[in-house]
Amino acid sequence: MEKSIFELAMKFRFNEKVEYSAEGIVSKRVLDKTVGNVTLFAFDKGQRLSTHSAPFDAMVQVMEGKGEVIINEESFILEAGEVIIMPANIPHAVNAVERFKMVLTMIKG
C-alpha cells in the first residue's frame, strides 16, 4: 500500500509535526511507498532503539537536539542539521543523548 500520512502539496516543518513524550519515543510515518519510507521521530532524553539491522540503507537527519547513532559498534554524535547513512545489513542503534528529533529515510533496493 502506497500512502502519505502527511498532506501532499502543503508545506510544513518537521519539528512542528511531532511532540516529545515523557520517557518515550514517538514516531510518525511521513511517506510510505513500496520503494521506501520516511519516518519522523521524537526521542525523550535517555530513550533508545536497541541494536538491530535492516536490509536497506537508512539515512538519519537530526532536526533538533542531540542523538547518538552507533553503526557497527562505532559511535557518532549528531546534532541538528547533521546527517548519517546507516548501511544495509550492518548492526546499528540510536540513543538520545538529549531530547532530539530525527527524520529516518529508508530506500529499498
PDB file of N, CA and C in Angstrom:
ATOM      1  N   MET A   1       0.843  -1.178   0.000  1.00  0.00           N
ATOM      2  CA  MET A   1       0.000   0.000   0.000  1.00  0.00           C
ATOM      3  C   MET A   1       0.892   1.246   0.000  1.00  0.00           C
ATOM      4  N   GLU A   2       0.725   2.118  -0.965  1.00  0.00           N
ATOM      5  CA  GLU A   2       1.474   3.359  -1.021  1.00  0.00           C
ATOM      6  C   GLU A   2       0.599   4.476  -0.483  1.00  0.00           C
ATOM      7  N   LYS A   3       1.165   5.245   0.447  1.00  0.00           N
ATOM      8  CA  LYS A   3       0.379   6.335   1.015  1.00  0.00           C
ATOM      9  C   LYS A   3       1.296   7.375   1.632  1.00  0.00           C
ATOM     10  N   SER A   4       0.740   8.523   1.854  1.00  0.00           N
ATOM     11  CA  SER A   4       1.402   9.587   2.588  1.00  0.00           C
ATOM     12  C   SER A   4       0.529   9.859   3.800  1.00  0.00           C
ATOM     13  N   ILE A   5       1.128   9.921   4.957  1.00  0.00           N
ATOM     14  CA  ILE A   5       0.382  10.219   6.168  1.00  0.00           C
ATOM     15  C   ILE A   5       0.173  11.726   6.273  1.00  0.00           C
ATOM     16  N   PHE A   6       1.117  12.488   5.751  1.00  0.00           N
ATOM     17  CA  PHE A   6       1.033  13.938   5.767  1.00  0.00           C
ATOM     18  C   PHE A   6       0.338  14.410   4.494  1.00  0.00           C
ATOM     19  N   GLU A   7      -0.282  15.571   4.551  1.00  0.00           N
ATOM     20  CA  GLU A   7      -0.949  16.120   3.371  1.00  0.00           C
ATOM     21  C   GLU A   7       0.066  16.438   2.291  1.00  0.00           C
ATOM     22  N   LEU A   8      -0.274  16.106   1.074  1.00  0.00           N
ATOM     23  CA  LEU A   8       0.579  16.433  -0.058  1.00  0.00           C
ATOM     24  C   LEU A   8       0.374  17.890  -0.464  1.00  0.00           C
ATOM     25  N   ALA A   9       1.377  18.472  -1.082  1.00  0.00           N
ATOM     26  CA  ALA A   9       1.328  19.837  -1.594  1.00  0.00           C
ATOM     27  C   ALA A   9       0.996  20.861  -0.507  1.00  0.00           C
ATOM     28  N   MET A  10       1.459  20.602   0.725  1.00  0.00           N
ATOM     29  CA  MET A  10       1.294  21.528   1.844  1.00  0.00           C
ATOM     30  C   MET A  10       2.644  21.643   2.542  1.00  0.00           C
ATOM     31  N   LYS A  11       3.132  22.854   2.731  1.00  0.00           N
ATOM     32  CA  LYS A  11       4.423  22.993   3.390  1.00  0.00           C
ATOM     33  C   LYS A  11       4.270  22.802   4.898  1.00  0.00           C
ATOM     34  N   PHE A  12       5.346  22.342   5.527  1.00  0.00           N
ATOM     35  CA  PHE A  12       5.352  22.123   6.965  1.00  0.00           C
ATOM     36  C   PHE A  12       6.794  22.089   7.461  1.00  0.00           C
ATOM     37  N   ARG A  13       6.953  22.085   8.777  1.00  0.00           N
ATOM     38  CA  ARG A  13       8.259  21.947   9.419  1.00  0.00           C
ATOM     39  C   ARG A  13       8.242  20.638  10.208  1.00  0.00           C
ATOM     40  N   PHE A  14       9.250  19.798   9.983  1.00  0.00           N
ATOM     41  CA  PHE A  14       9.303  18.527  10.697  1.00  0.00           C
ATOM     42  C   PHE A  14       9.211  18.729  12.206  1.00  0.00           C
ATOM     43  N   ASN A  15       9.936  19.706  12.737  1.00  0.00           N
ATOM     44  CA  ASN A  15       9.966  19.914  14.187  1.00  0.00           C
ATOM     45  C   ASN A  15       8.583  20.157  14.782  1.00  0.00           C
ATOM     46  N   GLU A  16       7.689  20.702  13.995  1.00  0.00           N
ATOM     47  CA  GLU A  16       6.347  21.013  14.484  1.00  0.00           C
ATOM     48  C   GLU A  16       5.359  19.869  14.294  1.00  0.00           C
ATOM     49  N   LYS A  17       5.772  18.800  13.633  1.00  0.00           N
ATOM     50  CA  LYS A  17       4.859  17.703  13.314  1.00  0.00           C
ATOM     51  C   LYS A  17       4.925  16.528  14.282  1.00  0.00           C
ATOM     52  N   VAL A  18       5.830  16.589  15.256  1.00  0.00           N
ATOM     53  CA  VAL A  18       5.903  15.524  16.252  1.00  0.00           C
ATOM     54  C   VAL A  18       6.279  16.142  17.598  1.00  0.00           C
ATOM     55  N   GLU A  19       5.641  15.663  18.652  1.00  0.00           N
ATOM     56  CA  GLU A  19       5.895  16.160  20.006  1.00  0.00           C
ATOM     57  C   GLU A  19       6.623  15.098  20.818  1.00  0.00           C
ATOM     58  N   TYR A  20       7.358  15.530  21.810  1.00  0.00           N
ATOM     59  CA  TYR A  20       8.033  14.599  22.715  1.00  0.00           C
ATOM     60  C   TYR A  20       7.015  13.952  23.642  1.00  0.00           C
ATOM     61  N   SER A  21       7.339  12.744  24.083  1.00  0.00           N
ATOM     62  CA  SER A  21       6.545  12.040  25.082  1.00  0.00           C
ATOM     63  C   SER A  21       7.484  11.701  26.232  1.00  0.00           C
ATOM     64  N   ALA A  22       7.101  12.052  27.451  1.00  0.00           N
ATOM     65  CA  ALA A  22       7.963  11.802  28.611  1.00  0.00           C
ATOM     66  C   ALA A  22       8.356  10.328  28.664  1.00  0.00           C
ATOM     67  N   GLU A  23       9.657  10.091  28.714  1.00  0.00           N
ATOM     68  CA  GLU A  23      10.229   8.743  28.803  1.00  0.00           C
ATOM     69  C   GLU A  23       9.801   7.858  27.639  1.00  0.00           C
ATOM     70  N   GLY A  24       9.624   8.456  26.463  1.00  0.00           N
ATOM     71  CA  GLY A  24       9.172   7.659  25.332  1.00  0.00           C
ATOM     72  C   GLY A  24       9.775   8.083  24.012  1.00  0.00           C
ATOM     73  N   ILE A  25       9.366   7.347  22.989  1.00  0.00           N
ATOM     74  CA  ILE A  25       9.735   7.638  21.606  1.00  0.00           C
ATOM     75  C   ILE A  25       8.436   7.730  20.815  1.00  0.00           C
ATOM     76  N   VAL A  26       8.297   8.804  20.055  1.00  0.00           N
ATOM     77  CA  VAL A  26       7.117   8.988  19.212  1.00  0.00           C
ATOM     78  C   VAL A  26       7.573   8.922  17.758  1.00  0.00           C
ATOM     79  N   SER A  27       6.844   8.185  16.933  1.00  0.00           N
ATOM     80  CA  SER A  27       7.172   8.137  15.510  1.00  0.00           C
ATOM     81  C   SER A  27       5.921   8.406  14.690  1.00  0.00           C
ATOM     82  N   LYS A  28       6.132   9.086  13.562  1.00  0.00           N
ATOM     83  CA  LYS A  28       5.041   9.366  12.624  1.00  0.00           C
ATOM     84  C   LYS A  28       5.557   9.075  11.226  1.00  0.00           C
ATOM     85  N   ARG A  29       4.824   8.283  10.481  1.00  0.00           N
ATOM     86  CA  ARG A  29       5.191   7.967   9.105  1.00  0.00           C
ATOM     87  C   ARG A  29       4.821   9.156   8.228  1.00  0.00           C
ATOM     88  N   VAL A  30       5.800   9.704   7.533  1.00  0.00           N
ATOM     89  CA  VAL A  30       5.579  10.840   6.648  1.00  0.00           C
ATOM     90  C   VAL A  30       5.147  10.340   5.275  1.00  0.00           C
ATOM     91  N   LEU A  31       5.911   9.393   4.730  1.00  0.00           N
ATOM     92  CA  LEU A  31       5.607   8.753   3.449  1.00  0.00           C
ATOM     93  C   LEU A  31       5.813   7.255   3.599  1.00  0.00           C
ATOM     94  N   ASP A  32       4.981   6.481   2.951  1.00  0.00           N
ATOM     95  CA  ASP A  32       5.095   5.022   2.984  1.00  0.00           C
ATOM     96  C   ASP A  32       4.868   4.516   1.565  1.00  0.00           C
ATOM     97  N   LYS A  33       5.951   4.200   0.879  1.00  0.00           N
ATOM     98  CA  LYS A  33       5.889   3.787  -0.524  1.00  0.00           C
ATOM     99  C   LYS A  33       6.541   2.414  -0.678  1.00  0.00           C
ATOM    100  N   THR A  34       6.269   1.744  -1.769  1.00  0.00           N
ATOM    101  CA  THR A  34       6.878   0.432  -1.992  1.00  0.00           C
ATOM    102  C   THR A  34       8.391   0.528  -2.117  1.00  0.00           C
ATOM    103  N   VAL A  35       8.915   1.667  -2.528  1.00  0.00           N
ATOM    104  CA  VAL A  35      10.363   1.835  -2.698  1.00  0.00           C
ATOM    105  C   VAL A  35      11.057   2.312  -1.430  1.00  0.00           C
ATOM    106  N   GLY A  36      10.316   2.613  -0.386  1.00  0.00           N
ATOM    107  CA  GLY A  36      10.906   3.051   0.872  1.00  0.00           C
ATOM    108  C   GLY A  36       9.935   3.876   1.676  1.00  0.00           C
ATOM    109  N   ASN A  37      10.438   4.430   2.770  1.00  0.00           N
ATOM    110  CA  ASN A  37       9.576   5.246   3.617  1.00  0.00           C
ATOM    111  C   ASN A  37      10.378   6.330   4.316  1.00  0.00           C
ATOM    112  N   VAL A  38       9.644   7.317   4.823  1.00  0.00           N
ATOM    113  CA  VAL A  38      10.211   8.416   5.589  1.00  0.00           C
ATOM    114  C   VAL A  38       9.431   8.476   6.894  1.00  0.00           C
ATOM    115  N   THR A  39      10.161   8.450   8.018  1.00  0.00           N
ATOM    116  CA  THR A  39       9.519   8.457   9.324  1.00  0.00           C
ATOM    117  C   THR A  39      10.146   9.537  10.192  1.00  0.00           C
ATOM    118  N   LEU A  40       9.318  10.270  10.903  1.00  0.00           N
ATOM    119  CA  LEU A  40       9.734  11.327  11.812  1.00  0.00           C
ATOM    120  C   LEU A  40       9.695  10.772  13.236  1.00  0.00           C
ATOM    121  N   PHE A  41      10.761  10.995  14.001  1.00  0.00           N
ATOM    122  CA  PHE A  41      10.856  10.504  15.376  1.00  0.00           C
ATOM    123  C   PHE A  41      11.129  11.640  16.350  1.00  0.00           C
ATOM    124  N   ALA A  42      10.619  11.505  17.570  1.00  0.00           N
ATOM    125  CA  ALA A  42      10.976  12.364  18.701  1.00  0.00           C
ATOM    126  C   ALA A  42      11.355  11.441  19.856  1.00  0.00           C
ATOM    127  N   PHE A  43      12.590  11.567  20.345  1.00  0.00           N
ATOM    128  CA  PHE A  43      13.107  10.747  21.437  1.00  0.00           C
ATOM    129  C   PHE A  43      13.237  11.607  22.687  1.00  0.00           C
ATOM    130  N   ASP A  44      12.716  11.147  23.801  1.00  0.00           N
ATOM    131  CA  ASP A  44      12.999  11.816  25.066  1.00  0.00           C
ATOM    132  C   ASP A  44      14.414  11.430  25.491  1.00  0.00           C
ATOM    133  N   LYS A  45      15.054  12.267  26.273  1.00  0.00           N
ATOM    134  CA  LYS A  45      16.425  12.007  26.726  1.00  0.00           C
ATOM    135  C   LYS A  45      16.517  10.627  27.366  1.00  0.00           C
ATOM    136  N   GLY A  46      17.543   9.873  26.978  1.00  0.00           N
ATOM    137  CA  GLY A  46      17.770   8.551  27.545  1.00  0.00           C
ATOM    138  C   GLY A  46      17.069   7.417  26.826  1.00  0.00           C
ATOM    139  N   GLN A  47      16.183   7.731  25.899  1.00  0.00           N
ATOM    140  CA  GLN A  47      15.483   6.675  25.159  1.00  0.00           C
ATOM    141  C   GLN A  47      16.382   6.135  24.060  1.00  0.00           C
ATOM    142  N   ARG A  48      16.095   4.904  23.615  1.00  0.00           N
ATOM    143  CA  ARG A  48      16.966   4.289  22.618  1.00  0.00           C
ATOM    144  C   ARG A  48      16.237   3.278  21.763  1.00  0.00           C
ATOM    145  N   LEU A  49      16.769   3.083  20.574  1.00  0.00           N
ATOM    146  CA  LEU A  49      16.387   1.961  19.730  1.00  0.00           C
ATOM    147  C   LEU A  49      17.550   0.990  19.821  1.00  0.00           C
ATOM    148  N   SER A  50      17.298  -0.212  20.309  1.00  0.00           N
ATOM    149  CA  SER A  50      18.371  -1.173  20.528  1.00  0.00           C
ATOM    150  C   SER A  50      19.004  -1.629  19.211  1.00  0.00           C
ATOM    151  N   THR A  51      20.144  -2.248  19.323  1.00  0.00           N
ATOM    152  CA  THR A  51      20.906  -2.685  18.161  1.00  0.00           C
ATOM    153  C   THR A  51      20.092  -3.644  17.290  1.00  0.00           C
ATOM    154  N   HIS A  52      20.075  -3.328  16.008  1.00  0.00           N
ATOM    155  CA  HIS A  52      19.354  -4.139  15.017  1.00  0.00           C
ATOM    156  C   HIS A  52      19.985  -3.854  13.658  1.00  0.00           C
ATOM    157  N   SER A  53      19.531  -4.532  12.644  1.00  0.00           N
ATOM    158  CA  SER A  53      19.975  -4.218  11.281  1.00  0.00           C
ATOM    159  C   SER A  53      18.748  -4.203  10.381  1.00  0.00           C
ATOM    160  N   ALA A  54      18.927  -3.612   9.219  1.00  0.00           N
ATOM    161  CA  ALA A  54      17.837  -3.526   8.247  1.00  0.00           C
ATOM    162  C   ALA A  54      18.391  -3.906   6.877  1.00  0.00           C
ATOM    163  N   PRO A  55      17.548  -4.442   6.020  1.00  0.00           N
ATOM    164  CA  PRO A  55      18.034  -4.869   4.701  1.00  0.00           C
ATOM    165  C   PRO A  55      18.208  -3.720   3.707  1.00  0.00           C
ATOM    166  N   PHE A  56      18.053  -2.466   4.173  1.00  0.00           N
ATOM    167  CA  PHE A  56      18.142  -1.304   3.291  1.00  0.00           C
ATOM    168  C   PHE A  56      19.032  -0.241   3.916  1.00  0.00           C
ATOM    169  N   ASP A  57      19.652   0.594   3.080  1.00  0.00           N
ATOM    170  CA  ASP A  57      20.343   1.763   3.596  1.00  0.00           C
ATOM    171  C   ASP A  57      19.306   2.672   4.249  1.00  0.00           C
ATOM    172  N   ALA A  58      19.720   3.359   5.305  1.00  0.00           N
ATOM    173  CA  ALA A  58      18.813   4.266   6.002  1.00  0.00           C
ATOM    174  C   ALA A  58      19.557   5.545   6.358  1.00  0.00           C
ATOM    175  N   MET A  59      18.957   6.688   6.047  1.00  0.00           N
ATOM    176  CA  MET A  59      19.576   7.981   6.319  1.00  0.00           C
ATOM    177  C   MET A  59      18.886   8.634   7.512  1.00  0.00           C
ATOM    178  N   VAL A  60      19.683   9.060   8.484  1.00  0.00           N
ATOM    179  CA  VAL A  60      19.190   9.767   9.660  1.00  0.00           C
ATOM    180  C   VAL A  60      19.556  11.235   9.519  1.00  0.00           C
ATOM    181  N   GLN A  61      18.550  12.106   9.638  1.00  0.00           N
ATOM    182  CA  GLN A  61      18.746  13.555   9.625  1.00  0.00           C
ATOM    183  C   GLN A  61      18.260  14.077  10.974  1.00  0.00           C
ATOM    184  N   VAL A  62      19.146  14.676  11.756  1.00  0.00           N
ATOM    185  CA  VAL A  62      18.742  15.226  13.045  1.00  0.00           C
ATOM    186  C   VAL A  62      18.176  16.625  12.828  1.00  0.00           C
ATOM    187  N   MET A  63      16.965  16.828  13.308  1.00  0.00           N
ATOM    188  CA  MET A  63      16.262  18.090  13.130  1.00  0.00           C
ATOM    189  C   MET A  63      16.389  19.005  14.347  1.00  0.00           C
ATOM    190  N   GLU A  64      16.567  18.388  15.532  1.00  0.00           N
ATOM    191  CA  GLU A  64      16.578  19.164  16.772  1.00  0.00           C
ATOM    192  C   GLU A  64      17.271  18.328  17.840  1.00  0.00           C
ATOM    193  N   GLY A  65      18.050  18.959  18.707  1.00  0.00           N
ATOM    194  CA  GLY A  65      18.675  18.262  19.816  1.00  0.00           C
ATOM    195  C   GLY A  65      19.930  17.507  19.432  1.00  0.00           C
ATOM    196  N   LYS A  66      20.224  16.440  20.207  1.00  0.00           N
ATOM    197  CA  LYS A  66      21.455  15.682  20.007  1.00  0.00           C
ATOM    198  C   LYS A  66      21.195  14.194  20.241  1.00  0.00           C
ATOM    199  N   GLY A  67      21.638  13.377  19.282  1.00  0.00           N
ATOM    200  CA  GLY A  67      21.481  11.929  19.391  1.00  0.00           C
ATOM    201  C   GLY A  67      22.771  11.215  19.054  1.00  0.00           C
ATOM    202  N   GLU A  68      22.829   9.966  19.449  1.00  0.00           N
ATOM    203  CA  GLU A  68      23.971   9.111  19.142  1.00  0.00           C
ATOM    204  C   GLU A  68      23.493   8.002  18.218  1.00  0.00           C
ATOM    205  N   VAL A  69      24.217   7.815  17.122  1.00  0.00           N
ATOM    206  CA  VAL A  69      23.962   6.706  16.218  1.00  0.00           C
ATOM    207  C   VAL A  69      25.180   5.809  16.282  1.00  0.00           C
ATOM    208  N   ILE A  70      24.958   4.545  16.569  1.00  0.00           N
ATOM    209  CA  ILE A  70      26.049   3.573  16.653  1.00  0.00           C
ATOM    210  C   ILE A  70      25.915   2.659  15.448  1.00  0.00           C
ATOM    211  N   ILE A  71      26.981   2.610  14.641  1.00  0.00           N
ATOM    212  CA  ILE A  71      26.999   1.770  13.450  1.00  0.00           C
ATOM    213  C   ILE A  71      28.168   0.815  13.563  1.00  0.00           C
ATOM    214  N   ASN A  72      27.859  -0.479  13.598  1.00  0.00           N
ATOM    215  CA  ASN A  72      28.906  -1.499  13.686  1.00  0.00           C
ATOM    216  C   ASN A  72      29.847  -1.210  14.854  1.00  0.00           C
ATOM    217  N   GLU A  73      29.254  -0.837  15.999  1.00  0.00           N
ATOM    218  CA  GLU A  73      29.942  -0.547  17.255  1.00  0.00           C
ATOM    219  C   GLU A  73      30.745   0.748  17.261  1.00  0.00           C
ATOM    220  N   GLU A  74      30.613   1.588  16.231  1.00  0.00           N
ATOM    221  CA  GLU A  74      31.265   2.898  16.208  1.00  0.00           C
ATOM    222  C   GLU A  74      30.224   3.972  16.492  1.00  0.00           C
ATOM    223  N   SER A  75      30.529   4.838  17.471  1.00  0.00           N
ATOM    224  CA  SER A  75      29.590   5.863  17.911  1.00  0.00           C
ATOM    225  C   SER A  75      29.774   7.165  17.129  1.00  0.00           C
ATOM    226  N   PHE A  76      28.634   7.761  16.743  1.00  0.00           N
ATOM    227  CA  PHE A  76      28.614   9.059  16.073  1.00  0.00           C
ATOM    228  C   PHE A  76      27.606   9.943  16.806  1.00  0.00           C
ATOM    229  N   ILE A  77      28.043  11.106  17.265  1.00  0.00           N
ATOM    230  CA  ILE A  77      27.135  12.062  17.901  1.00  0.00           C
ATOM    231  C   ILE A  77      26.668  13.026  16.821  1.00  0.00           C
ATOM    232  N   LEU A  78      25.352  13.138  16.680  1.00  0.00           N
ATOM    233  CA  LEU A  78      24.769  14.018  15.664  1.00  0.00           C
ATOM    234  C   LEU A  78      23.935  15.093  16.328  1.00  0.00           C
ATOM    235  N   GLU A  79      24.068  16.312  15.807  1.00  0.00           N
ATOM    236  CA  GLU A  79      23.292  17.443  16.287  1.00  0.00           C
ATOM    237  C   GLU A  79      22.424  17.968  15.150  1.00  0.00           C
ATOM    238  N   ALA A  80      21.551  18.896  15.478  1.00  0.00           N
ATOM    239  CA  ALA A  80      20.631  19.457  14.487  1.00  0.00           C
ATOM    240  C   ALA A  80      21.373  19.864  13.225  1.00  0.00           C
ATOM    241  N   GLY A  81      20.842  19.425  12.094  1.00  0.00           N
ATOM    242  CA  GLY A  81      21.422  19.746  10.802  1.00  0.00           C
ATOM    243  C   GLY A  81      22.392  18.702  10.281  1.00  0.00           C
ATOM    244  N   GLU A  82      22.767  17.733  11.113  1.00  0.00           N
ATOM    245  CA  GLU A  82      23.719  16.706  10.690  1.00  0.00           C
ATOM    246  C   GLU A  82      22.999  15.444  10.221  1.00  0.00           C
ATOM    247  N   VAL A  83      23.677  14.710   9.336  1.00  0.00           N
ATOM    248  CA  VAL A  83      23.092  13.548   8.672  1.00  0.00           C
ATOM    249  C   VAL A  83      24.115  12.414   8.668  1.00  0.00           C
ATOM    250  N   ILE A  84      23.618  11.173   8.753  1.00  0.00           N
ATOM    251  CA  ILE A  84      24.476   9.997   8.598  1.00  0.00           C
ATOM    252  C   ILE A  84      23.672   8.915   7.875  1.00  0.00           C
ATOM    253  N   ILE A  85      24.375   8.105   7.093  1.00  0.00           N
ATOM    254  CA  ILE A  85      23.723   6.992   6.401  1.00  0.00           C
ATOM    255  C   ILE A  85      24.157   5.693   7.056  1.00  0.00           C
ATOM    256  N   MET A  86      23.181   4.920   7.486  1.00  0.00           N
ATOM    257  CA  MET A  86      23.446   3.611   8.083  1.00  0.00           C
ATOM    258  C   MET A  86      23.351   2.573   6.967  1.00  0.00           C
ATOM    259  N   PRO A  87      24.450   1.847   6.714  1.00  0.00           N
ATOM    260  CA  PRO A  87      24.441   0.884   5.610  1.00  0.00           C
ATOM    261  C   PRO A  87      23.534  -0.319   5.875  1.00  0.00           C
ATOM    262  N   ALA A  88      23.005  -0.874   4.802  1.00  0.00           N
ATOM    263  CA  ALA A  88      22.161  -2.063   4.886  1.00  0.00           C
ATOM    264  C   ALA A  88      22.921  -3.216   5.533  1.00  0.00           C
ATOM    265  N   ASN A  89      22.205  -4.000   6.309  1.00  0.00           N
ATOM    266  CA  ASN A  89      22.697  -5.242   6.905  1.00  0.00           C
ATOM    267  C   ASN A  89      23.846  -5.068   7.896  1.00  0.00           C
ATOM    268  N   ILE A  90      24.074  -3.850   8.386  1.00  0.00           N
ATOM    269  CA  ILE A  90      25.103  -3.582   9.392  1.00  0.00           C
ATOM    270  C   ILE A  90      24.381  -3.221  10.694  1.00  0.00           C
ATOM    271  N   PRO A  91      24.768  -3.817  11.822  1.00  0.00           N
ATOM    272  CA  PRO A  91      24.096  -3.501  13.089  1.00  0.00           C
ATOM    273  C   PRO A  91      24.217  -2.013  13.436  1.00  0.00           C
ATOM    274  N   HIS A  92      23.100  -1.457  13.910  1.00  0.00           N
ATOM    275  CA  HIS A  92      23.096  -0.060  14.322  1.00  0.00           C
ATOM    276  C   HIS A  92      22.094   0.138  15.466  1.00  0.00           C
ATOM    277  N   ALA A  93      22.267   1.235  16.178  1.00  0.00           N
ATOM    278  CA  ALA A  93      21.379   1.595  17.285  1.00  0.00           C
ATOM    279  C   ALA A  93      21.286   3.112  17.339  1.00  0.00           C
ATOM    280  N   VAL A  94      20.264   3.611  18.040  1.00  0.00           N
ATOM    281  CA  VAL A  94      20.078   5.055  18.196  1.00  0.00           C
ATOM    282  C   VAL A  94      19.801   5.338  19.671  1.00  0.00           C
ATOM    283  N   ASN A  95      20.523   6.319  20.229  1.00  0.00           N
ATOM    284  CA  ASN A  95      20.362   6.709  21.628  1.00  0.00           C
ATOM    285  C   ASN A  95      20.142   8.207  21.715  1.00  0.00           C
ATOM    286  N   ALA A  96      19.263   8.631  22.618  1.00  0.00           N
ATOM    287  CA  ALA A  96      19.001  10.059  22.814  1.00  0.00           C
ATOM    288  C   ALA A  96      19.948  10.601  23.882  1.00  0.00           C
ATOM    289  N   VAL A  97      20.996  11.297  23.460  1.00  0.00           N
ATOM    290  CA  VAL A  97      21.920  11.961  24.378  1.00  0.00           C
ATOM    291  C   VAL A  97      21.168  13.047  25.136  1.00  0.00           C
ATOM    292  N   GLU A  98      20.309  13.743  24.417  1.00  0.00           N
ATOM    293  CA  GLU A  98      19.338  14.676  24.980  1.00  0.00           C
ATOM    294  C   GLU A  98      18.085  14.514  24.128  1.00  0.00           C
ATOM    295  N   ARG A  99      17.024  15.196  24.477  1.00  0.00           N
ATOM    296  CA  ARG A  99      15.831  15.109  23.625  1.00  0.00           C
ATOM    297  C   ARG A  99      16.229  15.463  22.205  1.00  0.00           C
ATOM    298  N   PHE A 100      15.755  14.659  21.256  1.00  0.00           N
ATOM    299  CA  PHE A 100      16.043  15.020  19.874  1.00  0.00           C
ATOM    300  C   PHE A 100      14.988  14.489  18.926  1.00  0.00           C
ATOM    301  N   LYS A 101      14.933  15.153  17.764  1.00  0.00           N
ATOM    302  CA  LYS A 101      14.014  14.759  16.704  1.00  0.00           C
ATOM    303  C   LYS A 101      14.837  14.424  15.473  1.00  0.00           C
ATOM    304  N   MET A 102      14.421  13.374  14.774  1.00  0.00           N
ATOM    305  CA  MET A 102      15.145  12.964  13.577  1.00  0.00           C
ATOM    306  C   MET A 102      14.170  12.483  12.519  1.00  0.00           C
ATOM    307  N   VAL A 103      14.634  12.543  11.271  1.00  0.00           N
ATOM    308  CA  VAL A 103      13.894  12.000  10.152  1.00  0.00           C
ATOM    309  C   VAL A 103      14.700  10.801   9.653  1.00  0.00           C
ATOM    310  N   LEU A 104      14.048   9.661   9.523  1.00  0.00           N
ATOM    311  CA  LEU A 104      14.668   8.445   9.030  1.00  0.00           C
ATOM    312  C   LEU A 104      14.109   8.166   7.636  1.00  0.00           C
ATOM    313  N   THR A 105      15.009   8.087   6.659  1.00  0.00           N
ATOM    314  CA  THR A 105      14.618   7.792   5.283  1.00  0.00           C
ATOM    315  C   THR A 105      15.221   6.463   4.874  1.00  0.00           C
ATOM    316  N   MET A 106      14.368   5.490   4.551  1.00  0.00           N
ATOM    317  CA  MET A 106      14.826   4.174   4.121  1.00  0.00           C
ATOM    318  C   MET A 106      14.481   3.979   2.657  1.00  0.00           C
ATOM    319  N   ILE A 107      15.487   3.603   1.879  1.00  0.00           N
ATOM    320  CA  ILE A 107      15.304   3.356   0.455  1.00  0.00           C
ATOM    321  C   ILE A 107      15.505   1.864   0.216  1.00  0.00           C
ATOM    322  N   LYS A 108      14.501   1.226  -0.309  1.00  0.00           N
ATOM    323  CA  LYS A 108      14.593  -0.212  -0.582  1.00  0.00           C
ATOM    324  C   LYS A 108      15.282  -0.421  -1.914  1.00  0.00           C
ATOM    325  N   GLY A 109      16.160  -1.404  -1.961  1.00  0.00           N
ATOM    326  CA  GLY A 109      16.860  -1.616  -3.200  1.00  0.00           C
ATOM    327  C   GLY A 109      17.275  -3.049  -3.407  1.00  0.00           C
TER     328      GLY A 109
END
